[in-house]
Protein backbone atom coordinates (compact mmCIF):
# COMPACT_ATOMS: atom_id res chain seq x y z
CA MET A 1 168.20 -167.79 127.69
CA ILE A 2 170.15 -164.93 126.43
CA ASP A 3 166.86 -163.93 124.54
CA LYS A 4 164.39 -164.61 127.16
CA GLY A 5 166.81 -162.00 129.63
CA MET A 6 167.77 -165.25 131.28
CA ALA A 7 170.97 -164.30 131.81
CA ALA A 8 172.61 -165.70 134.81
CA GLU A 9 170.75 -169.32 133.94
CA ALA A 10 172.62 -168.94 130.49
CA VAL A 11 176.32 -168.80 132.14
CA ILE A 12 175.81 -172.06 134.11
CA GLU A 13 174.83 -173.62 130.27
CA PHE A 14 177.74 -172.50 128.47
CA GLU A 15 179.84 -173.28 131.30
CA ALA A 16 178.89 -176.36 131.57
CA ALA A 17 179.38 -176.74 127.55
CA ILE A 18 182.61 -175.40 128.37
CA THR A 19 183.50 -178.09 130.47
CA LYS A 20 182.68 -181.08 128.26
CA ARG A 21 184.11 -178.91 125.17
CA ALA A 22 186.09 -176.30 125.30
CA GLU A 23 187.04 -176.19 121.64
CA PRO A 24 184.81 -173.91 119.01
CA GLY A 25 184.46 -174.72 115.49
CA THR A 26 181.86 -173.35 112.74
CA ALA A 27 180.71 -176.84 111.50
CA VAL A 28 180.28 -178.77 115.04
CA ARG A 29 178.31 -182.13 114.47
CA VAL A 30 176.15 -182.26 117.44
CA TYR A 31 173.87 -185.90 116.04
CA GLY A 32 173.22 -187.49 112.65
CA ASN A 33 173.46 -184.70 109.60
CA ARG A 34 173.52 -181.82 112.10
CA TYR A 35 176.09 -179.30 112.72
CA ILE A 36 176.17 -176.18 114.35
CA VAL A 37 177.86 -172.67 115.11
CA TYR A 38 180.12 -173.73 118.19
CA ILE A 39 181.36 -170.62 119.92
CA PRO A 40 180.48 -170.86 123.56
CA HIS A 41 182.97 -167.94 124.71
CA LEU A 42 181.54 -165.19 123.12
CA TYR A 43 177.85 -166.15 124.17
CA LEU A 44 179.46 -166.83 128.18
CA ALA A 45 180.86 -163.36 127.72
CA ILE A 46 177.60 -161.95 126.98
CA SER A 47 175.42 -163.82 129.35
CA ALA A 48 177.89 -163.03 131.90
CA GLN A 49 177.74 -159.33 130.58
CA MET A 50 173.92 -159.33 131.07
CA SER A 51 174.27 -160.75 134.39
CA GLY A 52 176.43 -158.21 135.53
CA ASP A 53 179.80 -159.98 135.94
CA MET A 54 182.26 -157.87 133.79
CA ASP A 55 185.59 -159.25 134.67
CA LYS A 56 184.26 -162.77 134.04
CA ALA A 57 182.56 -160.79 130.75
CA LYS A 58 185.72 -159.47 129.78
CA ARG A 59 188.13 -162.92 130.57
CA SER A 60 185.39 -164.98 128.09
CA LEU A 61 185.26 -162.33 125.16
CA ALA A 62 189.41 -161.80 125.69
CA THR A 63 189.36 -166.10 125.45
CA ALA A 64 186.45 -166.18 122.13
CA LYS A 65 188.93 -163.87 120.30
CA GLU A 66 192.52 -165.55 121.15
CA LEU A 67 190.85 -168.60 120.10
CA GLY A 68 189.73 -166.74 116.57
CA VAL A 69 186.78 -169.19 115.54
CA ALA A 70 184.14 -166.57 117.00
CA GLY A 71 185.77 -163.43 114.91
CA GLY A 72 185.36 -165.25 111.53
CA THR A 73 181.49 -166.43 112.00
CA ASP A 74 178.46 -163.62 110.90
CA VAL A 75 176.92 -163.34 114.79
CA GLY A 76 181.30 -163.02 115.74
CA LYS A 77 182.07 -159.83 113.22
CA THR A 78 178.83 -158.20 114.55
CA LEU A 79 178.97 -158.98 118.34
CA ILE A 80 182.47 -159.08 119.17
CA PRO A 81 183.13 -155.18 118.32
CA ALA A 82 180.07 -154.37 119.85
CA TYR A 83 181.01 -155.64 123.35
CA GLU A 84 184.46 -154.61 123.31
CA VAL A 85 182.89 -150.84 123.20
CA LEU A 86 180.43 -151.89 126.42
CA LEU A 87 182.68 -154.19 128.51
CA ALA A 88 185.07 -151.04 128.03
CA ARG A 89 182.67 -148.57 128.56
CA ALA A 90 181.86 -150.81 132.06
CA GLY A 91 185.50 -150.39 133.35
CA SER A 92 185.38 -146.84 132.89
CA THR A 93 182.05 -144.90 133.72
CA SER A 94 180.83 -144.74 137.48
CA GLY A 95 177.73 -143.13 136.95
CA THR A 96 174.83 -144.89 137.40
CA LYS A 97 170.73 -143.71 136.79
CA GLY A 98 170.58 -141.01 139.74
CA ASP A 99 173.84 -141.05 140.54
CA GLU A 100 176.13 -137.87 139.59
CA GLN A 101 179.22 -139.04 141.83
CA GLY A 102 182.21 -139.80 139.47
CA ASP A 103 183.72 -137.60 136.26
CA ASP A 104 182.52 -140.03 133.96
CA LYS A 105 178.70 -140.26 132.94
CA ASP A 106 176.79 -142.29 130.70
CA PHE A 107 173.72 -142.39 129.50
CA ARG A 108 172.28 -144.25 133.06
CA ALA A 109 173.39 -141.22 134.88
CA PHE A 110 170.24 -139.05 134.54
CA GLU A 111 167.12 -138.00 137.10
CA ASN A 112 163.72 -139.11 136.70
CA LYS A 113 161.17 -136.79 135.38
CA ASP A 114 157.35 -136.42 135.26
CA GLU A 115 155.70 -139.36 133.89
CA VAL A 116 153.10 -138.58 131.52
CA LEU A 117 150.62 -141.27 131.27
CA SER A 118 148.26 -142.86 133.87
CA GLU A 119 148.32 -145.90 135.98
CA ASP A 120 145.33 -147.30 133.93
CA GLU A 121 146.93 -145.64 130.25
CA TYR A 122 150.13 -147.40 131.23
CA GLY A 123 148.30 -150.74 132.58
CA GLU A 124 146.55 -150.73 128.88
CA LEU A 125 149.52 -150.14 126.95
CA ARG A 126 151.77 -152.83 128.64
CA SER A 127 148.83 -154.92 128.66
CA LYS A 128 148.84 -154.81 124.56
CA ILE A 129 152.40 -154.89 124.11
CA GLU A 130 152.78 -158.01 126.39
CA GLU A 131 150.12 -159.78 124.00
CA ARG A 132 151.72 -158.87 120.70
CA CYS A 133 154.63 -160.11 122.35
CA GLY A 134 153.43 -163.27 122.82
CA PHE A 135 153.72 -162.93 126.80
CA GLY A 136 149.80 -161.93 127.32
CA GLY A 137 148.80 -162.78 130.97
CA THR A 138 152.03 -163.24 132.61
CA ASP A 139 152.75 -162.30 136.58
CA ASP A 140 156.42 -162.49 136.37
CA HIS A 141 158.04 -159.49 134.36
CA SER A 142 161.57 -160.03 135.19
CA ARG A 143 161.23 -162.79 132.54
CA LEU A 144 160.33 -160.39 129.87
CA ALA A 145 162.56 -160.84 126.81
CA TRP A 146 164.64 -157.79 125.43
CA TYR A 147 161.91 -156.62 122.83
CA PHE A 148 159.05 -156.74 125.05
CA HIS A 149 160.99 -153.50 126.42
CA TYR A 150 162.02 -152.29 123.48
CA GLU A 151 158.77 -152.52 121.83
CA MET A 152 157.02 -150.81 125.11
CA GLY A 153 159.65 -148.34 124.72
CA LEU A 154 158.82 -147.41 121.28
CA ALA A 155 155.27 -147.28 122.32
CA LEU A 156 155.63 -145.06 125.17
CA ALA A 157 158.00 -142.38 123.17
CA GLU A 158 154.86 -142.61 120.37
CA ARG A 159 152.62 -142.33 123.59
CA ASP A 160 155.02 -138.99 124.39
CA ASP A 161 155.89 -140.31 127.81
CA PRO A 162 159.79 -140.39 127.17
CA GLN A 163 160.73 -140.82 131.00
CA ARG A 164 159.01 -144.20 130.68
CA ALA A 165 159.79 -144.84 127.22
CA LEU A 166 163.32 -144.31 128.38
CA ASP A 167 163.27 -147.05 131.60
CA SER A 168 161.61 -149.36 129.17
CA LEU A 169 164.78 -148.90 126.46
CA ILE A 170 167.23 -149.13 129.37
CA LEU A 171 165.66 -152.49 130.06
CA ALA A 172 166.32 -154.27 126.49
CA VAL A 173 169.43 -152.85 126.22
CA ASP A 174 169.87 -155.03 129.57
CA ARG A 175 168.65 -158.43 128.29
CA ARG A 176 170.64 -157.09 124.47
CA PRO A 177 173.27 -154.88 124.69
CA ALA A 178 174.26 -155.41 121.10
CA PRO A 179 172.13 -153.45 117.74
CA GLN A 180 170.89 -155.06 115.10
CA ARG A 181 168.91 -154.42 111.74
CA GLY A 182 166.46 -156.55 111.46
CA ALA A 183 167.12 -158.37 114.80
CA ARG A 184 164.57 -161.65 115.40
CA MET A 185 161.96 -161.32 118.05
CA TYR A 186 159.86 -164.60 117.89
CA GLY A 187 158.44 -166.57 115.57
CA MET A 188 158.40 -164.82 112.13
CA TRP A 189 158.64 -161.24 113.78
CA PHE A 190 161.64 -159.18 113.36
CA THR A 191 162.76 -155.76 113.76
CA ASP A 192 165.14 -153.19 113.40
CA TYR A 193 166.79 -152.66 116.59
CA LEU A 194 168.39 -149.57 117.53
CA PRO A 195 168.46 -148.94 121.32
CA TYR A 196 170.76 -146.63 121.60
CA TYR A 197 169.78 -144.24 119.13
CA GLN A 198 166.04 -144.72 120.72
CA ILE A 199 167.97 -143.79 124.21
CA ALA A 200 169.02 -140.57 122.76
CA ARG A 201 165.93 -139.60 121.40
CA ALA A 202 164.35 -140.37 124.76
CA HIS A 203 167.02 -138.29 126.26
CA ASN A 204 166.43 -135.17 123.48
CA ALA A 205 162.90 -135.00 124.69
CA LEU A 206 163.76 -135.29 127.88
CA SER A 207 166.31 -132.27 127.56
CA ASN A 208 169.44 -134.78 128.97
CA TRP A 209 172.03 -133.44 126.88
CA GLU A 210 174.58 -135.01 128.56
CA CYS A 211 173.12 -138.27 128.33
CA ALA A 212 171.99 -137.73 124.94
CA LEU A 213 175.35 -137.26 123.83
CA ASP A 214 176.77 -140.51 125.02
CA ALA A 215 173.71 -142.70 124.27
CA LEU A 216 174.62 -141.04 119.87
CA GLU A 217 178.22 -141.99 120.93
CA VAL A 218 177.71 -145.53 121.67
CA SER A 219 175.21 -145.46 118.87
CA ARG A 220 178.31 -144.48 116.55
CA LYS A 221 180.62 -147.10 118.11
CA MET A 222 178.06 -149.68 117.79
CA GLY A 223 177.47 -148.67 113.68
CA GLU A 224 173.78 -148.40 114.56
CA ILE A 225 173.44 -145.66 111.96
CA ASP A 226 175.57 -144.84 108.89
CA GLU A 227 174.93 -141.86 106.36
CA ASN A 228 172.76 -144.30 103.82
CA ASP A 229 169.80 -145.16 106.51
CA ASP A 230 166.77 -143.35 107.18
CA GLU A 231 167.02 -142.25 110.18
CA TYR A 232 170.16 -140.52 109.50
CA ALA A 233 169.20 -136.96 108.98
CA GLU A 234 167.65 -137.46 112.49
CA PHE A 235 171.03 -138.77 114.28
CA LYS A 236 172.70 -135.50 113.15
CA LYS A 237 170.17 -133.26 113.98
CA MET A 238 170.31 -135.06 117.28
CA LEU A 239 173.93 -134.62 117.98
CA GLU A 240 174.35 -131.24 116.83
CA GLU A 241 171.06 -130.30 118.96
CA ALA A 242 172.48 -132.14 122.41
CA ARG A 243 176.08 -130.30 121.60
CA ASN A 244 174.81 -126.72 121.46
CA SER A 245 172.70 -127.28 124.70
CA ASN A 246 175.32 -128.79 126.13
CA ARG A 247 177.43 -126.18 125.98
């Protein structure tokens, strides 16, 4: 459900699981000889954040950290620091897309600029990405998974339509806030999921310098790019350009 963006439904399922078994574990037997890593409080925090319930997300993340098990798992080592950044920002930023009120801005606080592709070109590209992601023919776009929106954002950026690319990338972040190298999309299809870096690229293309700086800062805190990565040179270049242009 999380992978498909069904956050509200995921909250219900994780809460039901916790009611039946609150204690996490790294090798919990479910049936026969099958064992799972059971860290429901962390996933409840993730699904609550995705659904917009930041208070529940913060409480669940605190419980996951207090119980200790999640932090020792491979997934927890990545996700707990990532969600600490996101939830801390959720409590300190007041800007939203198109909203200039408040002293704090973030990468969502921007004014829409002109779109480049025609509606027919956009529709053709969308259909192509839907089919590639296994969603061909769907009418319920609210159920499209994070990887569709991410792939759509990358494709729109390649077609020099940064405004639409930005909108798609933010939808991807709404469905999966934590970045990951080699993230599994479906089947045997994997991608380097670097949404904040890509959001910064879109903002730079639109000359949204303050938003670009914010996205780059989130990218840095999330550990998306390090000096050994191929993207590092462009990351530094974007950071310098955004800083100089924002003065």
